[in-house]
């Protein structure tokens, strides 16, 4: 027996519900902490506001020196860093941070307006950097954040290989 053709319901047949939806995070959810380094206040504010709208906890600074102070105060899940800043640029900041916190080397996103700069290109290749070239879209920033998250998860997976016990004492392993 064939089904009857679909029909549009009458107004009285349609039910509507008012739902109160909250946007708070789950109690055990970890809020991602981001350190943002950019010397231009207008650009820094746009990125800061965007990241906060995406539920990141953002600390923004205008120089590598201020960024180092923040790194020494606490840990960050993601570091978004301009390459050209006064006093301490992105490359010097990267080397200083990874010296005191080696585990952060995969947590960086660099951005620059200097495309095709051989010195920067060499640095980016050397550290396997995730890079955005100005101007970039906010969706490109989202993509870079996903790329860094994948790098971090690959690093964790590779470093979490179980250590099997041996018959040798610990000082001979």
C-alpha atoms as a PDB file:
ATOM      1  CA  UNK A   1       0.000   0.000   0.000  1.00  0.00           C
ATOM      2  CA  UNK A   2       1.567   3.310  -1.035  1.00  0.00           C
ATOM      3  CA  UNK A   3       2.078   6.021   1.540  1.00  0.00           C
ATOM      4  CA  UNK A   4      -0.052   9.144   1.245  1.00  0.00           C
ATOM      5  CA  UNK A   5       1.796  12.227   0.017  1.00  0.00           C
ATOM      6  CA  UNK A   6       3.227  14.456   2.733  1.00  0.00           C
ATOM      7  CA  UNK A   7       1.102  17.379   3.817  1.00  0.00           C
ATOM      8  CA  UNK A   8       1.764  20.675   5.513  1.00  0.00           C
ATOM      9  CA  UNK A   9       0.502  20.590   9.101  1.00  0.00           C
ATOM     10  CA  UNK A  10      -2.191  22.991  10.170  1.00  0.00           C
ATOM     11  CA  UNK A  11      -1.208  25.843  12.457  1.00  0.00           C
ATOM     12  CA  UNK A  12      -2.924  24.202  15.440  1.00  0.00           C
ATOM     13  CA  UNK A  13      -0.894  21.028  14.916  1.00  0.00           C
ATOM     14  CA  UNK A  14       2.457  22.770  15.303  1.00  0.00           C
ATOM     15  CA  UNK A  15       3.953  22.833  18.786  1.00  0.00           C
ATOM     16  CA  UNK A  16       6.573  25.354  19.807  1.00  0.00           C
ATOM     17  CA  UNK A  17       8.770  25.210  22.858  1.00  0.00           C
ATOM     18  CA  UNK A  18      10.684  27.913  24.666  1.00  0.00           C
ATOM     19  CA  UNK A  19      13.984  26.450  25.814  1.00  0.00           C
ATOM     20  CA  UNK A  20      16.423  28.193  28.120  1.00  0.00           C
ATOM     21  CA  UNK A  21      19.915  27.398  26.883  1.00  0.00           C
ATOM     22  CA  UNK A  22      22.978  28.234  28.916  1.00  0.00           C
ATOM     23  CA  UNK A  23      26.423  28.565  27.378  1.00  0.00           C
ATOM     24  CA  UNK A  24      28.486  27.719  30.427  1.00  0.00           C
ATOM     25  CA  UNK A  25      31.108  25.034  30.076  1.00  0.00           C
ATOM     26  CA  UNK A  26      30.747  21.652  31.681  1.00  0.00           C
ATOM     27  CA  UNK A  27      32.133  21.668  35.241  1.00  0.00           C
ATOM     28  CA  UNK A  28      35.130  19.474  34.370  1.00  0.00           C
ATOM     29  CA  UNK A  29      35.847  21.071  30.987  1.00  0.00           C
ATOM     30  CA  UNK A  30      39.330  22.544  30.609  1.00  0.00           C
ATOM     31  CA  UNK A  31      39.328  26.098  29.291  1.00  0.00           C
ATOM     32  CA  UNK A  32      42.186  26.505  26.838  1.00  0.00           C
ATOM     33  CA  UNK A  33      44.626  29.223  27.911  1.00  0.00           C
ATOM     34  CA  UNK A  34      46.078  31.321  25.096  1.00  0.00           C
ATOM     35  CA  UNK A  35      48.976  33.759  25.168  1.00  0.00           C
ATOM     36  CA  UNK A  36      48.680  36.335  22.374  1.00  0.00           C
ATOM     37  CA  UNK A  37      51.683  38.501  21.433  1.00  0.00           C
ATOM     38  CA  UNK A  38      51.107  41.424  19.033  1.00  0.00           C
ATOM     39  CA  UNK A  39      52.530  44.932  19.233  1.00  0.00           C
ATOM     40  CA  UNK A  40      49.680  46.586  17.274  1.00  0.00           C
ATOM     41  CA  UNK A  41      46.865  47.221  19.741  1.00  0.00           C
ATOM     42  CA  UNK A  42      44.049  47.227  17.159  1.00  0.00           C
ATOM     43  CA  UNK A  43      45.045  43.867  15.675  1.00  0.00           C
ATOM     44  CA  UNK A  44      45.712  42.405  19.137  1.00  0.00           C
ATOM     45  CA  UNK A  45      42.253  43.477  20.336  1.00  0.00           C
ATOM     46  CA  UNK A  46      40.450  41.932  17.347  1.00  0.00           C
ATOM     47  CA  UNK A  47      42.174  38.566  17.837  1.00  0.00           C
ATOM     48  CA  UNK A  48      41.758  38.740  21.616  1.00  0.00           C
ATOM     49  CA  UNK A  49      38.009  39.393  21.339  1.00  0.00           C
ATOM     50  CA  UNK A  50      37.571  36.668  18.718  1.00  0.00           C
ATOM     51  CA  UNK A  51      39.359  34.060  20.834  1.00  0.00           C
ATOM     52  CA  UNK A  52      37.330  35.002  23.901  1.00  0.00           C
ATOM     53  CA  UNK A  53      34.141  34.627  21.848  1.00  0.00           C
ATOM     54  CA  UNK A  54      35.364  31.076  21.090  1.00  0.00           C
ATOM     55  CA  UNK A  55      35.642  30.399  24.879  1.00  0.00           C
ATOM     56  CA  UNK A  56      39.417  30.668  25.185  1.00  0.00           C
ATOM     57  CA  UNK A  57      40.997  32.315  28.230  1.00  0.00           C
ATOM     58  CA  UNK A  58      43.274  34.915  26.618  1.00  0.00           C
ATOM     59  CA  UNK A  59      46.247  36.853  27.976  1.00  0.00           C
ATOM     60  CA  UNK A  60      47.407  39.536  25.541  1.00  0.00           C
ATOM     61  CA  UNK A  61      50.747  41.313  25.577  1.00  0.00           C
ATOM     62  CA  UNK A  62      52.500  43.690  23.201  1.00  0.00           C
ATOM     63  CA  UNK A  63      56.074  42.382  23.342  1.00  0.00           C
ATOM     64  CA  UNK A  64      58.158  39.267  23.711  1.00  0.00           C
ATOM     65  CA  UNK A  65      59.541  40.532  27.014  1.00  0.00           C
ATOM     66  CA  UNK A  66      56.032  40.817  28.475  1.00  0.00           C
ATOM     67  CA  UNK A  67      55.263  37.411  26.983  1.00  0.00           C
ATOM     68  CA  UNK A  68      58.205  35.840  28.802  1.00  0.00           C
ATOM     69  CA  UNK A  69      56.929  37.279  32.071  1.00  0.00           C
ATOM     70  CA  UNK A  70      53.537  35.651  31.413  1.00  0.00           C
ATOM     71  CA  UNK A  71      55.192  32.326  30.524  1.00  0.00           C
ATOM     72  CA  UNK A  72      57.091  32.394  33.821  1.00  0.00           C
ATOM     73  CA  UNK A  73      53.846  33.099  35.727  1.00  0.00           C
ATOM     74  CA  UNK A  74      51.893  30.164  34.327  1.00  0.00           C
ATOM     75  CA  UNK A  75      51.300  27.631  31.585  1.00  0.00           C
ATOM     76  CA  UNK A  76      49.492  28.136  28.290  1.00  0.00           C
ATOM     77  CA  UNK A  77      47.897  25.652  25.908  1.00  0.00           C
ATOM     78  CA  UNK A  78      48.488  27.824  22.845  1.00  0.00           C
ATOM     79  CA  UNK A  79      50.868  30.685  22.021  1.00  0.00           C
ATOM     80  CA  UNK A  80      49.964  32.986  19.129  1.00  0.00           C
ATOM     81  CA  UNK A  81      52.923  35.186  18.299  1.00  0.00           C
ATOM     82  CA  UNK A  82      53.698  38.008  15.882  1.00  0.00           C
ATOM     83  CA  UNK A  83      57.160  37.708  14.362  1.00  0.00           C
ATOM     84  CA  UNK A  84      58.041  41.398  14.172  1.00  0.00           C
ATOM     85  CA  UNK A  85      57.806  43.106  17.552  1.00  0.00           C
ATOM     86  CA  UNK A  86      60.057  45.721  19.144  1.00  0.00           C
ATOM     87  CA  UNK A  87      62.756  44.649  21.637  1.00  0.00           C
ATOM     88  CA  UNK A  88      62.170  40.901  21.204  1.00  0.00           C
ATOM     89  CA  UNK A  89      60.729  39.437  18.014  1.00  0.00           C
ATOM     90  CA  UNK A  90      58.930  36.153  17.595  1.00  0.00           C
ATOM     91  CA  UNK A  91      62.004  34.047  16.807  1.00  0.00           C
ATOM     92  CA  UNK A  92      63.931  35.185  19.878  1.00  0.00           C
ATOM     93  CA  UNK A  93      60.778  34.762  21.982  1.00  0.00           C
ATOM     94  CA  UNK A  94      60.349  31.181  20.691  1.00  0.00           C
ATOM     95  CA  UNK A  95      63.925  30.212  21.589  1.00  0.00           C
ATOM     96  CA  UNK A  96      63.653  31.810  25.050  1.00  0.00           C
ATOM     97  CA  UNK A  97      60.342  30.107  25.824  1.00  0.00           C
ATOM     98  CA  UNK A  98      61.350  26.668  24.578  1.00  0.00           C
ATOM     99  CA  UNK A  99      64.527  26.926  26.630  1.00  0.00           C
ATOM    100  CA  UNK A 100      62.574  27.310  29.904  1.00  0.00           C
ATOM    101  CA  UNK A 101      59.499  25.310  28.824  1.00  0.00           C
ATOM    102  CA  UNK A 102      60.622  22.734  26.205  1.00  0.00           C
ATOM    103  CA  UNK A 103      57.147  21.190  26.015  1.00  0.00           C
ATOM    104  CA  UNK A 104      55.752  24.340  24.410  1.00  0.00           C
ATOM    105  CA  UNK A 105      57.544  23.919  21.068  1.00  0.00           C
ATOM    106  CA  UNK A 106      54.429  22.506  19.357  1.00  0.00           C
ATOM    107  CA  UNK A 107      52.061  25.077  20.877  1.00  0.00           C
ATOM    108  CA  UNK A 108      53.038  28.066  18.720  1.00  0.00           C
ATOM    109  CA  UNK A 109      51.192  29.789  15.903  1.00  0.00           C
ATOM    110  CA  UNK A 110      53.273  32.514  14.277  1.00  0.00           C
ATOM    111  CA  UNK A 111      51.952  35.301  12.103  1.00  0.00           C
ATOM    112  CA  UNK A 112      53.718  37.869   9.997  1.00  0.00           C
ATOM    113  CA  UNK A 113      53.193  40.323   7.190  1.00  0.00           C
ATOM    114  CA  UNK A 114      56.631  39.477   5.748  1.00  0.00           C
ATOM    115  CA  UNK A 115      55.997  36.705   3.245  1.00  0.00           C
ATOM    116  CA  UNK A 116      59.018  35.432   1.260  1.00  0.00           C
ATOM    117  CA  UNK A 117      61.524  36.567   3.876  1.00  0.00           C
ATOM    118  CA  UNK A 118      64.395  34.012   3.644  1.00  0.00           C
ATOM    119  CA  UNK A 119      65.392  34.397   7.302  1.00  0.00           C
ATOM    120  CA  UNK A 120      61.831  33.841   8.519  1.00  0.00           C
ATOM    121  CA  UNK A 121      61.257  31.000   6.039  1.00  0.00           C
ATOM    122  CA  UNK A 122      64.371  29.249   7.364  1.00  0.00           C
ATOM    123  CA  UNK A 123      63.172  29.631  10.961  1.00  0.00           C
ATOM    124  CA  UNK A 124      59.659  28.375  10.110  1.00  0.00           C
ATOM    125  CA  UNK A 125      61.066  25.286   8.360  1.00  0.00           C
ATOM    126  CA  UNK A 126      63.538  24.644  11.158  1.00  0.00           C
ATOM    127  CA  UNK A 127      60.881  24.548  13.890  1.00  0.00           C
ATOM    128  CA  UNK A 128      58.089  23.033  11.730  1.00  0.00           C
ATOM    129  CA  UNK A 129      56.014  26.130  12.469  1.00  0.00           C
ATOM    130  CA  UNK A 130      52.343  26.753  11.957  1.00  0.00           C
ATOM    131  CA  UNK A 131      52.286  30.149  10.222  1.00  0.00           C
ATOM    132  CA  UNK A 132      49.652  32.668   9.181  1.00  0.00           C
ATOM    133  CA  UNK A 133      50.533  35.457   6.770  1.00  0.00           C
ATOM    134  CA  UNK A 134      48.824  38.816   7.273  1.00  0.00           C
ATOM    135  CA  UNK A 135      46.210  39.603   6.313  1.00  0.00           C
ATOM    136  CA  UNK A 136      44.483  36.391   7.336  1.00  0.00           C
ATOM    137  CA  UNK A 137      40.887  35.465   8.055  1.00  0.00           C
ATOM    138  CA  UNK A 138      39.563  34.353  11.405  1.00  0.00           C
ATOM    139  CA  UNK A 139      38.661  31.012   9.814  1.00  0.00           C
ATOM    140  CA  UNK A 140      42.354  30.644   8.875  1.00  0.00           C
ATOM    141  CA  UNK A 141      43.169  31.236  12.550  1.00  0.00           C
ATOM    142  CA  UNK A 142      40.707  28.479  13.487  1.00  0.00           C
ATOM    143  CA  UNK A 143      42.448  26.170  11.010  1.00  0.00           C
ATOM    144  CA  UNK A 144      45.851  26.985  12.496  1.00  0.00           C
ATOM    145  CA  UNK A 145      44.520  26.254  15.995  1.00  0.00           C
ATOM    146  CA  UNK A 146      43.269  22.850  14.779  1.00  0.00           C
ATOM    147  CA  UNK A 147      46.677  22.163  13.191  1.00  0.00           C
ATOM    148  CA  UNK A 148      48.469  22.926  16.464  1.00  0.00           C
ATOM    149  CA  UNK A 149      46.011  20.730  18.384  1.00  0.00           C
ATOM    150  CA  UNK A 150      46.846  17.866  15.992  1.00  0.00           C
ATOM    151  CA  UNK A 151      50.595  18.442  16.465  1.00  0.00           C
ATOM    152  CA  UNK A 152      50.152  18.341  20.237  1.00  0.00           C
ATOM    153  CA  UNK A 153      48.036  15.180  20.145  1.00  0.00           C
ATOM    154  CA  UNK A 154      50.575  13.448  17.842  1.00  0.00           C
ATOM    155  CA  UNK A 155      53.373  14.465  20.203  1.00  0.00           C
ATOM    156  CA  UNK A 156      51.469  13.139  23.228  1.00  0.00           C
ATOM    157  CA  UNK A 157      50.673   9.884  21.424  1.00  0.00           C
ATOM    158  CA  UNK A 158      54.314   9.365  20.407  1.00  0.00           C
ATOM    159  CA  UNK A 159      55.570  10.113  23.912  1.00  0.00           C
ATOM    160  CA  UNK A 160      53.033   7.933  25.698  1.00  0.00           C
ATOM    161  CA  UNK A 161      54.409   4.591  24.517  1.00  0.00           C
ATOM    162  CA  UNK A 162      54.356   2.330  27.560  1.00  0.00           C
ATOM    163  CA  UNK A 163      57.680   1.588  29.189  1.00  0.00           C
ATOM    164  CA  UNK A 164      58.006  -2.138  29.742  1.00  0.00           C
ATOM    165  CA  UNK A 165      59.801  -3.335  32.837  1.00  0.00           C
ATOM    166  CA  UNK A 166      63.256  -4.805  32.427  1.00  0.00           C
ATOM    167  CA  UNK A 167      65.302  -7.049  34.643  1.00  0.00           C
ATOM    168  CA  UNK A 168      68.072  -4.457  34.839  1.00  0.00           C
ATOM    169  CA  UNK A 169      68.316  -1.950  37.690  1.00  0.00           C
ATOM    170  CA  UNK A 170      67.175   1.615  36.819  1.00  0.00           C
ATOM    171  CA  UNK A 171      70.721   3.005  36.779  1.00  0.00           C
ATOM    172  CA  UNK A 172      71.744   0.479  34.049  1.00  0.00           C
ATOM    173  CA  UNK A 173      68.845   1.127  31.622  1.00  0.00           C
END
